[in-house]
Amino acid sequence: MGAKRFLALAARTPAYDGSMAAVVAAEQQKEQPAQRQTSPDEPQQVDVDQMNLIVPGLIERVEV
């Protein structure tokens, strides 16, 4: 390989690095479980213990 060709390829290395980083990030995002997108108006699910920490005594007042 000649010096001209080597320098031409070396000049493109940062572009390859950036595109490969984007590909790896996209693959990692695919592997993660998709989180459900909720609208602001939709109620959120909260664990009973967490709710009891937020509002102490609330669970005792609720009638089922």
PDB file of N, CA and C in Angstrom:
ATOM      1  N   MET A   1       0.858  -1.155   0.000  1.00  0.00           N
ATOM      2  CA  MET A   1       0.000   0.000   0.000  1.00  0.00           C
ATOM      3  C   MET A   1       0.914   1.230   0.000  1.00  0.00           C
ATOM      4  N   GLY A   2       0.576   2.140  -0.856  1.00  0.00           N
ATOM      5  CA  GLY A   2       1.371   3.357  -0.962  1.00  0.00           C
ATOM      6  C   GLY A   2       1.010   4.356   0.124  1.00  0.00           C
ATOM      7  N   ALA A   3       1.868   5.328   0.295  1.00  0.00           N
ATOM      8  CA  ALA A   3       1.671   6.344   1.316  1.00  0.00           C
ATOM      9  C   ALA A   3       0.427   7.173   1.037  1.00  0.00           C
ATOM     10  N   LYS A   4       0.155   7.450  -0.246  1.00  0.00           N
ATOM     11  CA  LYS A   4      -1.038   8.250  -0.591  1.00  0.00           C
ATOM     12  C   LYS A   4      -2.308   7.524  -0.163  1.00  0.00           C
ATOM     13  N   ARG A   5      -2.362   6.243  -0.496  1.00  0.00           N
ATOM     14  CA  ARG A   5      -3.558   5.461  -0.153  1.00  0.00           C
ATOM     15  C   ARG A   5      -3.692   5.327   1.365  1.00  0.00           C
ATOM     16  N   PHE A   6      -2.578   5.103   2.044  1.00  0.00           N
ATOM     17  CA  PHE A   6      -2.603   4.980   3.496  1.00  0.00           C
ATOM     18  C   PHE A   6      -3.119   6.264   4.140  1.00  0.00           C
ATOM     19  N   LEU A   7      -2.626   7.401   3.707  1.00  0.00           N
ATOM     20  CA  LEU A   7      -3.054   8.680   4.280  1.00  0.00           C
ATOM     21  C   LEU A   7      -4.520   8.969   3.953  1.00  0.00           C
ATOM     22  N   ALA A   8      -4.968   8.560   2.762  1.00  0.00           N
ATOM     23  CA  ALA A   8      -6.383   8.758   2.406  1.00  0.00           C
ATOM     24  C   ALA A   8      -7.279   7.934   3.321  1.00  0.00           C
ATOM     25  N   LEU A   9      -6.869   6.689   3.585  1.00  0.00           N
ATOM     26  CA  LEU A   9      -7.659   5.849   4.483  1.00  0.00           C
ATOM     27  C   LEU A   9      -7.584   6.368   5.928  1.00  0.00           C
ATOM     28  N   ALA A  10      -6.419   6.815   6.329  1.00  0.00           N
ATOM     29  CA  ALA A  10      -6.257   7.330   7.696  1.00  0.00           C
ATOM     30  C   ALA A  10      -7.107   8.575   7.918  1.00  0.00           C
ATOM     31  N   ALA A  11      -7.275   9.382   6.887  1.00  0.00           N
ATOM     32  CA  ALA A  11      -8.087  10.597   7.017  1.00  0.00           C
ATOM     33  C   ALA A  11      -9.557  10.252   7.232  1.00  0.00           C
ATOM     34  N   ARG A  12      -9.993   9.083   6.730  1.00  0.00           N
ATOM     35  CA  ARG A  12     -11.399   8.684   6.868  1.00  0.00           C
ATOM     36  C   ARG A  12     -11.676   7.914   8.154  1.00  0.00           C
ATOM     37  N   THR A  13     -10.654   7.565   8.908  1.00  0.00           N
ATOM     38  CA  THR A  13     -10.830   6.759  10.114  1.00  0.00           C
ATOM     39  C   THR A  13     -11.794   7.392  11.121  1.00  0.00           C
ATOM     40  N   PRO A  14     -11.729   8.696  11.412  1.00  0.00           N
ATOM     41  CA  PRO A  14     -12.693   9.264  12.375  1.00  0.00           C
ATOM     42  C   PRO A  14     -14.145   9.106  11.919  1.00  0.00           C
ATOM     43  N   ALA A  15     -14.400   9.205  10.638  1.00  0.00           N
ATOM     44  CA  ALA A  15     -15.768   9.019  10.138  1.00  0.00           C
ATOM     45  C   ALA A  15     -16.216   7.583  10.355  1.00  0.00           C
ATOM     46  N   TYR A  16     -15.332   6.622  10.122  1.00  0.00           N
ATOM     47  CA  TYR A  16     -15.672   5.218  10.363  1.00  0.00           C
ATOM     48  C   TYR A  16     -15.924   4.988  11.845  1.00  0.00           C
ATOM     49  N   ASP A  17     -15.104   5.593  12.675  1.00  0.00           N
ATOM     50  CA  ASP A  17     -15.241   5.429  14.114  1.00  0.00           C
ATOM     51  C   ASP A  17     -16.593   5.964  14.585  1.00  0.00           C
ATOM     52  N   GLY A  18     -16.990   7.131  14.091  1.00  0.00           N
ATOM     53  CA  GLY A  18     -18.269   7.720  14.478  1.00  0.00           C
ATOM     54  C   GLY A  18     -19.451   6.894  14.009  1.00  0.00           C
ATOM     55  N   SER A  19     -19.371   6.386  12.794  1.00  0.00           N
ATOM     56  CA  SER A  19     -20.488   5.590  12.276  1.00  0.00           C
ATOM     57  C   SER A  19     -20.578   4.252  13.002  1.00  0.00           C
ATOM     58  N   MET A  20     -19.452   3.659  13.350  1.00  0.00           N
ATOM     59  CA  MET A  20     -19.480   2.396  14.083  1.00  0.00           C
ATOM     60  C   MET A  20     -20.002   2.600  15.500  1.00  0.00           C
ATOM     61  N   ALA A  21     -19.670   3.730  16.109  1.00  0.00           N
ATOM     62  CA  ALA A  21     -20.196   4.025  17.444  1.00  0.00           C
ATOM     63  C   ALA A  21     -21.716   4.168  17.389  1.00  0.00           C
ATOM     64  N   ALA A  22     -22.225   4.775  16.331  1.00  0.00           N
ATOM     65  CA  ALA A  22     -23.675   4.918  16.174  1.00  0.00           C
ATOM     66  C   ALA A  22     -24.337   3.558  15.981  1.00  0.00           C
ATOM     67  N   VAL A  23     -23.697   2.681  15.217  1.00  0.00           N
ATOM     68  CA  VAL A  23     -24.244   1.339  14.988  1.00  0.00           C
ATOM     69  C   VAL A  23     -24.276   0.557  16.298  1.00  0.00           C
ATOM     70  N   VAL A  24     -23.207   0.637  17.069  1.00  0.00           N
ATOM     71  CA  VAL A  24     -23.148  -0.084  18.344  1.00  0.00           C
ATOM     72  C   VAL A  24     -24.214   0.455  19.297  1.00  0.00           C
ATOM     73  N   ALA A  25     -24.387   1.754  19.350  1.00  0.00           N
ATOM     74  CA  ALA A  25     -25.411   2.347  20.222  1.00  0.00           C
ATOM     75  C   ALA A  25     -26.809   1.906  19.805  1.00  0.00           C
ATOM     76  N   ALA A  26     -27.063   1.833  18.509  1.00  0.00           N
ATOM     77  CA  ALA A  26     -28.373   1.390  18.025  1.00  0.00           C
ATOM     78  C   ALA A  26     -28.611  -0.075  18.380  1.00  0.00           C
ATOM     79  N   GLU A  27     -27.587  -0.904  18.275  1.00  0.00           N
ATOM     80  CA  GLU A  27     -27.733  -2.315  18.623  1.00  0.00           C
ATOM     81  C   GLU A  27     -27.990  -2.484  20.118  1.00  0.00           C
ATOM     82  N   GLN A  28     -27.313  -1.705  20.936  1.00  0.00           N
ATOM     83  CA  GLN A  28     -27.527  -1.798  22.380  1.00  0.00           C
ATOM     84  C   GLN A  28     -28.928  -1.342  22.756  1.00  0.00           C
ATOM     85  N   GLN A  29     -29.435  -0.352  22.055  1.00  0.00           N
ATOM     86  CA  GLN A  29     -30.781   0.133  22.346  1.00  0.00           C
ATOM     87  C   GLN A  29     -31.825  -0.905  21.950  1.00  0.00           C
ATOM     88  N   LYS A  30     -31.571  -1.659  20.885  1.00  0.00           N
ATOM     89  CA  LYS A  30     -32.498  -2.721  20.478  1.00  0.00           C
ATOM     90  C   LYS A  30     -32.547  -3.830  21.512  1.00  0.00           C
ATOM     91  N   GLU A  31     -31.394  -4.126  22.133  1.00  0.00           N
ATOM     92  CA  GLU A  31     -31.317  -5.225  23.084  1.00  0.00           C
ATOM     93  C   GLU A  31     -32.008  -4.906  24.403  1.00  0.00           C
ATOM     94  N   GLN A  32     -32.094  -3.638  24.755  1.00  0.00           N
ATOM     95  CA  GLN A  32     -32.741  -3.259  26.004  1.00  0.00           C
ATOM     96  C   GLN A  32     -34.243  -3.433  25.846  1.00  0.00           C
ATOM     97  N   PRO A  33     -34.906  -3.891  26.908  1.00  0.00           N
ATOM     98  CA  PRO A  33     -36.358  -4.035  26.806  1.00  0.00           C
ATOM     99  C   PRO A  33     -37.018  -2.674  26.600  1.00  0.00           C
ATOM    100  N   ALA A  34     -37.972  -2.647  25.723  1.00  0.00           N
ATOM    101  CA  ALA A  34     -38.664  -1.389  25.424  1.00  0.00           C
ATOM    102  C   ALA A  34     -39.509  -0.979  26.623  1.00  0.00           C
ATOM    103  N   GLN A  35     -39.336   0.246  27.058  1.00  0.00           N
ATOM    104  CA  GLN A  35     -40.136   0.756  28.153  1.00  0.00           C
ATOM    105  C   GLN A  35     -41.402   1.372  27.586  1.00  0.00           C
ATOM    106  N   ARG A  36     -42.490   1.132  28.275  1.00  0.00           N
ATOM    107  CA  ARG A  36     -43.773   1.624  27.809  1.00  0.00           C
ATOM    108  C   ARG A  36     -43.827   3.137  27.973  1.00  0.00           C
ATOM    109  N   GLN A  37     -44.195   3.810  26.913  1.00  0.00           N
ATOM    110  CA  GLN A  37     -44.324   5.261  26.965  1.00  0.00           C
ATOM    111  C   GLN A  37     -45.708   5.595  27.528  1.00  0.00           C
ATOM    112  N   THR A  38     -45.753   6.418  28.555  1.00  0.00           N
ATOM    113  CA  THR A  38     -47.033   6.791  29.141  1.00  0.00           C
ATOM    114  C   THR A  38     -47.313   8.256  28.851  1.00  0.00           C
ATOM    115  N   SER A  39     -48.567   8.549  28.712  1.00  0.00           N
ATOM    116  CA  SER A  39     -48.959   9.937  28.509  1.00  0.00           C
ATOM    117  C   SER A  39     -49.044  10.616  29.882  1.00  0.00           C
ATOM    118  N   PRO A  40     -48.952  11.930  29.922  1.00  0.00           N
ATOM    119  CA  PRO A  40     -49.005  12.623  31.223  1.00  0.00           C
ATOM    120  C   PRO A  40     -50.334  12.441  31.944  1.00  0.00           C
ATOM    121  N   ASP A  41     -51.412  12.174  31.204  1.00  0.00           N
ATOM    122  CA  ASP A  41     -52.722  12.025  31.824  1.00  0.00           C
ATOM    123  C   ASP A  41     -52.965  10.618  32.366  1.00  0.00           C
ATOM    124  N   GLU A  42     -52.164   9.659  31.941  1.00  0.00           N
ATOM    125  CA  GLU A  42     -52.364   8.275  32.345  1.00  0.00           C
ATOM    126  C   GLU A  42     -51.788   8.058  33.752  1.00  0.00           C
ATOM    127  N   PRO A  43     -52.542   7.397  34.640  1.00  0.00           N
ATOM    128  CA  PRO A  43     -52.022   7.166  35.989  1.00  0.00           C
ATOM    129  C   PRO A  43     -50.845   6.190  35.959  1.00  0.00           C
ATOM    130  N   GLN A  44     -49.905   6.390  36.862  1.00  0.00           N
ATOM    131  CA  GLN A  44     -48.744   5.514  36.934  1.00  0.00           C
ATOM    132  C   GLN A  44     -48.979   4.426  37.973  1.00  0.00           C
ATOM    133  N   GLN A  45     -48.385   3.264  37.726  1.00  0.00           N
ATOM    134  CA  GLN A  45     -48.458   2.170  38.690  1.00  0.00           C
ATOM    135  C   GLN A  45     -47.390   2.393  39.754  1.00  0.00           C
ATOM    136  N   VAL A  46     -47.794   2.343  41.022  1.00  0.00           N
ATOM    137  CA  VAL A  46     -46.868   2.541  42.128  1.00  0.00           C
ATOM    138  C   VAL A  46     -47.029   1.368  43.081  1.00  0.00           C
ATOM    139  N   ASP A  47     -45.906   0.848  43.555  1.00  0.00           N
ATOM    140  CA  ASP A  47     -45.912  -0.239  44.519  1.00  0.00           C
ATOM    141  C   ASP A  47     -46.543   0.247  45.824  1.00  0.00           C
ATOM    142  N   VAL A  48     -47.219  -0.655  46.527  1.00  0.00           N
ATOM    143  CA  VAL A  48     -47.897  -0.291  47.774  1.00  0.00           C
ATOM    144  C   VAL A  48     -46.888   0.220  48.808  1.00  0.00           C
ATOM    145  N   ASP A  49     -45.748  -0.433  48.910  1.00  0.00           N
ATOM    146  CA  ASP A  49     -44.736   0.006  49.879  1.00  0.00           C
ATOM    147  C   ASP A  49     -44.220   1.404  49.551  1.00  0.00           C
ATOM    148  N   GLN A  50     -44.028   1.686  48.269  1.00  0.00           N
ATOM    149  CA  GLN A  50     -43.578   3.013  47.869  1.00  0.00           C
ATOM    150  C   GLN A  50     -44.630   4.058  48.205  1.00  0.00           C
ATOM    151  N   MET A  51     -45.882   3.731  47.960  1.00  0.00           N
ATOM    152  CA  MET A  51     -46.960   4.674  48.255  1.00  0.00           C
ATOM    153  C   MET A  51     -47.053   4.931  49.754  1.00  0.00           C
ATOM    154  N   ASN A  52     -46.815   3.892  50.556  1.00  0.00           N
ATOM    155  CA  ASN A  52     -46.853   4.050  52.008  1.00  0.00           C
ATOM    156  C   ASN A  52     -45.717   4.941  52.483  1.00  0.00           C
ATOM    157  N   LEU A  53     -44.577   4.926  51.781  1.00  0.00           N
ATOM    158  CA  LEU A  53     -43.477   5.819  52.129  1.00  0.00           C
ATOM    159  C   LEU A  53     -43.813   7.263  51.770  1.00  0.00           C
ATOM    160  N   ILE A  54     -44.539   7.455  50.665  1.00  0.00           N
ATOM    161  CA  ILE A  54     -44.895   8.804  50.232  1.00  0.00           C
ATOM    162  C   ILE A  54     -45.945   9.406  51.156  1.00  0.00           C
ATOM    163  N   VAL A  55     -47.003   8.616  51.431  1.00  0.00           N
ATOM    164  CA  VAL A  55     -48.096   9.090  52.284  1.00  0.00           C
ATOM    165  C   VAL A  55     -48.272   8.077  53.416  1.00  0.00           C
ATOM    166  N   PRO A  56     -47.569   8.266  54.525  1.00  0.00           N
ATOM    167  CA  PRO A  56     -47.682   7.304  55.630  1.00  0.00           C
ATOM    168  C   PRO A  56     -49.103   7.217  56.157  1.00  0.00           C
ATOM    169  N   GLY A  57     -49.547   5.994  56.407  1.00  0.00           N
ATOM    170  CA  GLY A  57     -50.882   5.773  56.955  1.00  0.00           C
ATOM    171  C   GLY A  57     -51.979   5.709  55.922  1.00  0.00           C
ATOM    172  N   LEU A  58     -51.668   5.931  54.665  1.00  0.00           N
ATOM    173  CA  LEU A  58     -52.697   5.933  53.614  1.00  0.00           C
ATOM    174  C   LEU A  58     -53.302   4.551  53.441  1.00  0.00           C
ATOM    175  N   ILE A  59     -52.506   3.527  53.534  1.00  0.00           N
ATOM    176  CA  ILE A  59     -52.986   2.160  53.286  1.00  0.00           C
ATOM    177  C   ILE A  59     -53.995   1.750  54.340  1.00  0.00           C
ATOM    178  N   GLU A  60     -53.810   2.179  55.579  1.00  0.00           N
ATOM    179  CA  GLU A  60     -54.743   1.830  56.631  1.00  0.00           C
ATOM    180  C   GLU A  60     -56.110   2.498  56.454  1.00  0.00           C
ATOM    181  N   ARG A  61     -56.149   3.644  55.780  1.00  0.00           N
ATOM    182  CA  ARG A  61     -57.400   4.373  55.589  1.00  0.00           C
ATOM    183  C   ARG A  61     -58.217   3.900  54.396  1.00  0.00           C
ATOM    184  N   VAL A  62     -57.624   3.122  53.529  1.00  0.00           N
ATOM    185  CA  VAL A  62     -58.296   2.689  52.309  1.00  0.00           C
ATOM    186  C   VAL A  62     -59.184   1.495  52.620  1.00  0.00           C
ATOM    187  N   GLU A  63     -60.423   1.536  52.130  1.00  0.00           N
ATOM    188  CA  GLU A  63     -61.340   0.402  52.283  1.00  0.00           C
ATOM    189  C   GLU A  63     -61.433  -0.313  50.954  1.00  0.00           C
ATOM    190  N   VAL A  64     -61.386  -1.629  51.011  1.00  0.00           N
ATOM    191  CA  VAL A  64     -61.464  -2.429  49.785  1.00  0.00           C
ATOM    192  C   VAL A  64     -62.805  -3.069  49.680  1.00  0.00           C
TER     193      VAL A  64
END
